[in-house]
Protein backbone atom coordinates (compact mmCIF):
# COMPACT_ATOMS: atom_id res chain seq x y z
CA MET A 1 -36.50 -124.29 -32.28
CA THR A 2 -40.41 -124.15 -32.20
CA SER A 3 -42.01 -121.20 -34.24
CA ASP A 4 -44.53 -118.93 -32.76
CA LYS A 5 -47.16 -120.74 -34.80
CA GLU A 6 -46.55 -123.72 -33.29
CA ASN A 7 -46.26 -122.39 -29.81
CA THR A 8 -49.70 -120.90 -30.22
CA ILE A 9 -51.20 -124.45 -31.41
CA GLN A 10 -49.48 -126.08 -28.50
CA ILE A 11 -50.78 -123.38 -25.95
CA PHE A 12 -54.26 -123.81 -27.58
CA GLU A 13 -54.17 -127.56 -27.27
CA GLU A 14 -53.17 -127.28 -23.70
CA THR A 15 -55.88 -124.85 -22.66
CA ALA A 16 -58.81 -125.80 -25.05
CA SER A 17 -61.40 -128.01 -23.01
CA GLU A 18 -61.99 -131.57 -24.11
CA GLY A 19 -65.53 -130.74 -24.84
CA THR A 20 -64.20 -127.83 -27.36
CA LYS A 21 -61.96 -130.19 -29.17
CA ILE A 22 -64.78 -132.64 -29.58
CA GLU A 23 -67.14 -130.00 -30.76
CA GLN A 24 -64.77 -128.63 -33.11
CA ALA A 25 -64.03 -132.21 -34.75
CA ARG A 26 -67.63 -132.90 -35.04
CA ALA A 27 -68.15 -129.67 -36.48
CA PHE A 28 -65.18 -130.33 -39.11
CA SER A 29 -66.87 -133.67 -39.75
CA GLU A 30 -70.23 -132.25 -40.54
CA VAL A 31 -68.89 -129.81 -43.03
CA LEU A 32 -66.93 -132.55 -44.90
CA MET A 33 -70.30 -134.61 -44.96
CA GLN A 34 -72.38 -131.83 -46.02
CA ALA A 35 -69.95 -130.95 -48.92
CA LYS A 36 -69.94 -134.57 -50.07
CA LEU A 37 -73.54 -134.93 -50.08
CA ALA A 38 -74.02 -131.54 -51.96
CA LYS A 39 -71.87 -133.03 -54.83
CA GLU A 40 -73.64 -136.38 -54.71
CA PHE A 41 -77.09 -134.75 -54.85
CA PRO A 42 -76.75 -131.27 -56.74
CA ARG A 43 -79.95 -129.18 -56.89
CA ASP A 44 -82.52 -129.28 -59.53
CA MET A 45 -83.15 -125.81 -60.59
CA LYS A 46 -86.67 -126.71 -61.95
CA LYS A 47 -87.69 -128.24 -58.49
CA VAL A 48 -86.10 -124.84 -57.10
CA PHE A 49 -87.98 -122.65 -59.11
CA HIS A 50 -91.33 -124.45 -58.06
CA LYS A 51 -90.54 -124.44 -54.66
CA LEU A 52 -89.83 -120.58 -54.92
CA GLU A 53 -93.40 -120.18 -56.29
CA GLU A 54 -95.18 -122.03 -53.44
CA THR A 55 -92.92 -120.32 -50.76
CA PHE A 56 -93.61 -116.89 -51.71
CA GLN A 57 -97.31 -117.60 -52.66
CA SER A 58 -98.10 -119.38 -49.67
CA SER A 59 -97.14 -116.72 -47.06
CA GLU A 60 -98.32 -113.16 -47.22
CA ALA A 61 -96.46 -112.30 -44.13
CA LEU A 62 -93.29 -113.42 -45.99
CA LEU A 63 -94.44 -111.52 -49.12
CA ASP A 64 -94.73 -108.32 -47.07
CA ALA A 65 -91.49 -108.52 -45.69
CA CYS A 66 -89.45 -109.12 -48.91
CA LYS A 67 -88.64 -105.59 -49.73
CA TYR A 68 -88.02 -102.39 -47.98
CA SER A 69 -88.23 -98.72 -49.17
CA TYR A 70 -87.03 -95.60 -48.04
CA GLU A 71 -86.69 -91.94 -49.64
CA ARG A 72 -83.56 -90.22 -50.88
CA GLY A 73 -83.96 -86.83 -52.52
CA ASN A 74 -87.99 -87.25 -52.77
CA LYS A 75 -86.89 -90.50 -54.66
CA PRO A 76 -88.28 -93.88 -53.50
CA ILE A 77 -85.26 -96.50 -53.23
CA THR A 78 -86.44 -100.03 -52.80
CA ASP A 79 -84.33 -103.25 -52.09
CA TYR A 80 -84.80 -106.97 -50.94
CA THR A 81 -84.47 -107.65 -47.09
CA ILE A 82 -82.72 -110.54 -45.38
CA LYS A 83 -85.80 -112.45 -45.19
CA PHE A 84 -86.20 -112.35 -48.66
CA ALA A 85 -82.51 -113.64 -49.07
CA ARG A 86 -83.22 -116.14 -46.23
CA ALA A 87 -86.28 -117.48 -48.02
CA VAL A 88 -84.39 -117.97 -51.29
CA ALA A 89 -81.52 -119.87 -49.76
CA GLY A 90 -84.08 -122.17 -48.05
CA CYS A 91 -85.63 -123.07 -51.59
CA VAL A 92 -82.29 -123.47 -53.29
CA GLY A 93 -80.55 -125.69 -50.60
CA ASN A 94 -76.95 -126.55 -49.90
CA ILE A 95 -76.59 -123.01 -48.59
CA HIS A 96 -74.98 -122.46 -45.21
CA PHE A 97 -75.01 -119.06 -43.53
CA SER A 98 -74.14 -117.77 -39.90
CA ILE A 99 -73.68 -114.79 -37.95
CA LYS A 100 -71.37 -115.03 -34.85
CA GLU A 101 -70.00 -112.42 -32.31
CA LEU A 102 -66.20 -112.83 -32.45
CA SER A 103 -65.58 -110.50 -29.27
CA ARG A 104 -67.09 -107.56 -27.30
CA SER A 105 -65.80 -104.80 -25.19
CA HIS A 106 -67.62 -102.22 -23.15
CA THR A 107 -68.27 -100.20 -26.41
CA GLN A 108 -68.38 -102.45 -29.40
CA SER A 109 -68.71 -105.72 -30.78
CA GLU A 110 -67.07 -107.64 -33.77
CA MET A 111 -69.41 -109.42 -35.88
CA HIS A 112 -68.69 -112.09 -38.33
CA VAL A 113 -71.04 -113.33 -41.09
CA TYR A 114 -70.61 -115.85 -44.11
CA ALA A 115 -72.67 -117.41 -46.46
CA TRP A 116 -71.46 -120.64 -48.44
CA ASP A 117 -72.81 -122.39 -51.33
CA VAL A 118 -71.67 -125.97 -50.18
CA GLU A 119 -72.42 -127.20 -53.91
CA SER A 120 -70.23 -124.51 -55.72
CA ASN A 121 -67.79 -124.00 -52.99
CA THR A 122 -68.63 -120.03 -53.46
CA MET A 123 -68.23 -118.32 -49.99
CA GLN A 124 -68.74 -114.59 -49.18
CA THR A 125 -67.53 -113.41 -45.53
CA ARG A 126 -67.84 -109.99 -43.80
CA THR A 127 -66.69 -108.70 -40.36
CA VAL A 128 -67.93 -105.61 -39.05
CA ILE A 129 -67.43 -103.61 -35.87
CA VAL A 130 -70.68 -102.63 -34.28
CA LYS A 131 -70.86 -99.77 -31.79
CA HIS A 132 -72.84 -100.12 -28.71
CA GLU A 133 -75.08 -97.09 -29.56
CA GLN A 134 -78.01 -95.77 -31.52
CA TYR A 135 -78.59 -92.36 -32.55
CA ALA A 136 -81.06 -90.13 -30.60
CA ALA A 137 -81.68 -86.82 -32.14
CA THR A 138 -78.03 -85.66 -33.15
CA GLN A 139 -76.18 -87.61 -30.35
CA PRO A 140 -75.51 -91.35 -30.06
CA ARG A 141 -77.34 -92.91 -27.39
CA LYS A 142 -75.29 -95.58 -25.36
CA LEU A 143 -76.64 -99.37 -25.29
CA GLY A 144 -76.35 -100.90 -21.87
CA LYS A 145 -78.87 -103.72 -21.68
CA GLU A 146 -78.00 -106.87 -23.09
CA ARG A 147 -80.99 -107.32 -25.18
CA ASP A 148 -80.55 -103.80 -26.76
CA ILE A 149 -76.84 -104.62 -27.68
CA TYR A 150 -77.82 -108.12 -28.96
CA GLU A 151 -80.82 -106.71 -31.29
CA ASN A 152 -78.39 -103.92 -32.42
CA ASN A 153 -75.66 -106.26 -33.20
CA THR A 154 -77.98 -108.94 -35.06
CA ASN A 155 -79.48 -106.02 -37.04
CA VAL A 156 -76.32 -104.72 -38.30
CA ALA A 157 -75.04 -108.02 -38.92
CA ALA A 158 -78.23 -108.95 -40.85
CA ARG A 159 -77.65 -106.48 -43.55
CA ARG A 160 -73.97 -107.78 -44.29
CA LEU A 161 -75.47 -111.36 -44.29
CA ARG A 162 -77.93 -110.42 -46.86
CA GLU A 163 -75.15 -108.98 -49.07
CA CYS A 164 -73.30 -112.41 -48.62
CA LEU A 165 -76.31 -114.60 -49.32
CA LEU A 166 -77.23 -112.64 -52.51
CA ALA A 167 -73.77 -112.83 -53.57
CA VAL A 168 -73.52 -116.70 -53.47
CA LEU A 169 -76.90 -117.67 -54.42
CA PRO A 170 -77.57 -119.10 -57.89
CA GLY A 171 -78.32 -116.04 -60.10
CA PRO A 172 -81.14 -117.59 -61.89
CA ALA A 173 -82.88 -118.47 -58.59
CA VAL A 174 -82.68 -114.90 -57.23
CA ASP A 175 -83.73 -113.60 -60.59
CA LYS A 176 -86.63 -115.93 -60.39
CA ALA A 177 -87.65 -115.07 -56.78
CA LYS A 178 -87.59 -111.33 -57.58
CA ASP A 179 -90.07 -111.76 -60.56
CA ILE A 180 -92.35 -113.79 -58.34
CA VAL A 181 -92.34 -111.29 -55.67
CA GLU A 182 -92.70 -108.20 -57.94
CA ASP A 183 -95.79 -109.97 -59.57
CA LEU A 184 -97.26 -110.96 -56.15
CA LEU A 185 -96.90 -107.55 -54.68
CA ILE A 186 -98.56 -105.87 -57.85
CA GLN A 187 -101.54 -108.36 -57.74
CA ALA A 188 -101.68 -107.46 -53.88
CA TYR A 189 -101.54 -103.77 -54.26
CA PRO A 190 -102.65 -102.76 -57.72
CA PRO A 191 -101.65 -99.21 -58.82
CA GLU A 192 -105.30 -98.54 -59.71
CA LYS A 193 -106.47 -99.30 -56.07
CA ARG A 194 -103.80 -97.72 -54.21
CA LYS A 195 -105.55 -94.37 -53.52
CA GLN A 196 -108.44 -96.34 -51.67
CA LEU A 197 -105.91 -98.76 -50.09
CA ALA A 198 -104.07 -95.65 -48.67
CA LYS A 199 -107.27 -94.13 -47.21
CA THR A 200 -108.11 -97.75 -45.57
CA TRP A 201 -104.81 -98.29 -44.11
CA LEU A 202 -104.78 -94.58 -42.60
CA ASP A 203 -108.51 -95.15 -41.30
CA PHE A 204 -107.44 -98.72 -39.93
CA TYR A 205 -104.50 -97.50 -37.97
CA GLU A 206 -106.13 -94.48 -36.19
CA LYS A 207 -109.23 -96.91 -35.39
CA GLU A 208 -107.41 -99.87 -34.39
CA PHE A 209 -104.23 -98.36 -32.73
CA ASN A 210 -105.00 -94.59 -32.19
CA ILE A 211 -102.11 -93.84 -34.43
CA SER A 212 -102.74 -90.69 -36.38
CA ASN A 213 -102.84 -90.12 -40.08
CA GLU A 214 -99.60 -87.83 -39.88
CA ARG A 215 -97.76 -90.39 -37.86
CA VAL A 216 -98.53 -92.99 -40.53
CA ILE A 217 -97.61 -90.55 -43.33
CA LEU A 218 -94.26 -89.80 -41.64
CA ALA A 219 -93.23 -93.51 -41.17
CA CYS A 220 -94.11 -93.76 -45.09
CA GLY A 221 -91.36 -91.51 -45.75
CA ASP A 222 -93.52 -88.43 -45.36
CA THR A 223 -94.69 -89.05 -48.88
CA PRO A 224 -98.34 -87.98 -50.03
CA PRO A 225 -100.62 -91.10 -49.74
CA GLU A 226 -101.45 -90.92 -53.36
CA MET A 227 -97.80 -91.39 -54.19
CA TRP A 228 -97.42 -94.67 -52.09
CA ILE A 229 -95.82 -97.22 -53.91
CA LYS A 230 -96.40 -101.25 -53.54
CA GLU A 231 -93.63 -101.60 -50.99
CA LYS A 232 -95.17 -99.03 -48.54
CA PHE A 233 -98.47 -100.78 -48.54
CA ALA A 234 -96.47 -104.11 -47.91
CA TRP A 235 -94.82 -102.44 -44.96
CA LEU A 236 -98.17 -101.31 -43.50
CA SER A 237 -99.81 -104.46 -43.56
CA MET A 238 -96.53 -106.18 -41.88
CA ALA A 239 -96.44 -103.34 -39.37
CA SER A 240 -99.99 -104.16 -38.50
CA LYS A 241 -99.32 -107.67 -37.91
CA LEU A 242 -96.31 -106.83 -35.69
CA LEU A 243 -98.56 -104.48 -33.60
CA LYS A 244 -101.30 -107.34 -33.05
CA GLN A 245 -98.66 -109.52 -32.20
CA GLY A 246 -97.17 -107.37 -29.55
CA SER A 247 -93.64 -107.80 -31.12
CA ALA A 248 -93.31 -104.11 -31.89
CA LYS A 249 -94.42 -100.82 -30.29
CA ALA A 250 -96.48 -98.35 -32.20
CA ASP A 251 -93.80 -95.54 -30.96
CA ASP A 252 -90.95 -97.41 -32.68
CA LEU A 253 -92.79 -98.12 -35.78
CA PHE A 254 -94.82 -94.76 -36.19
CA PRO A 255 -92.80 -92.33 -34.10
CA GLU A 256 -93.97 -88.54 -33.50
CA ALA A 257 -92.24 -86.01 -35.88
CA ASP A 258 -90.78 -84.27 -32.90
CA THR A 259 -89.68 -87.54 -31.35
CA PRO A 260 -85.71 -87.40 -30.76
CA GLY A 261 -84.03 -89.55 -33.49
CA ALA A 262 -87.56 -89.97 -35.44
CA ASP A 263 -85.59 -89.65 -38.76
CA GLN A 264 -83.02 -92.30 -37.74
CA ILE A 265 -85.53 -94.51 -36.32
CA GLN A 266 -87.36 -94.36 -39.79
CA LYS A 267 -84.11 -95.16 -41.63
CA GLU A 268 -83.51 -98.16 -39.51
CA LEU A 269 -86.97 -99.42 -39.82
CA GLU A 270 -87.14 -98.99 -43.65
CA GLY A 271 -83.77 -98.56 -45.06
CA THR A 272 -81.54 -101.29 -43.56
CA GLY A 273 -83.67 -104.34 -43.84
CA LYS A 274 -84.09 -104.62 -39.85
CA SER A 275 -84.11 -108.65 -39.22
CA LYS A 276 -87.31 -108.42 -37.54
CA PHE A 277 -88.79 -107.42 -40.88
């Protein structure tokens, strides 16, 4: 008598296409080869540190996208974004990570993410159910378009991927990268110049994109310009690039105070490490 497990395997083998079987075998062989190479050619941390410095120093856009901030009880909360984690992983090497949609119904998707340090064989995984909705005012707005669902799924999964990457990346590399980013942000937005920088950015957005000072201040957590921290200036710099490229809309980045769901939009843009940032 065959077991349920054996029956399941037999059914899968009978129904899976030949192309699927070949792809699975190829992927398994590739993983084994990558693990073998990772053991034979381990990372050199001195070279990793040097690459981290080169990577963050050479890209202003990456530097501006490394951190996010939001207000909680009039106190700024800051942390590192998925772009920061991806950049560190690229410098460290022998790190695999992925986001996959496992299933989808009319109302939700099941997303799976993982990060794997092939060299140390350390892995972190997360599975999350993402509802096909976003909040507008106090009521959720159902998402119907494929692009909206895809972006919402990716944004939520990216937060889990960030957690996984930061958990498996070598601690010394993450600490070094954080130190580099902090130093570069302070150099780019020094405390003694922030008051003038705030005025410059407010004038810039008003003249260049016809975005009022009130909308810019609201987008920065409704915090007085003289109290803006370096992460706010980095976000303003990044947002300006997105608007110039046409990859973001002014109404999404800088919603009016009375826009339905403005508070939720701001939380998503600043406080969740949205993938496009």
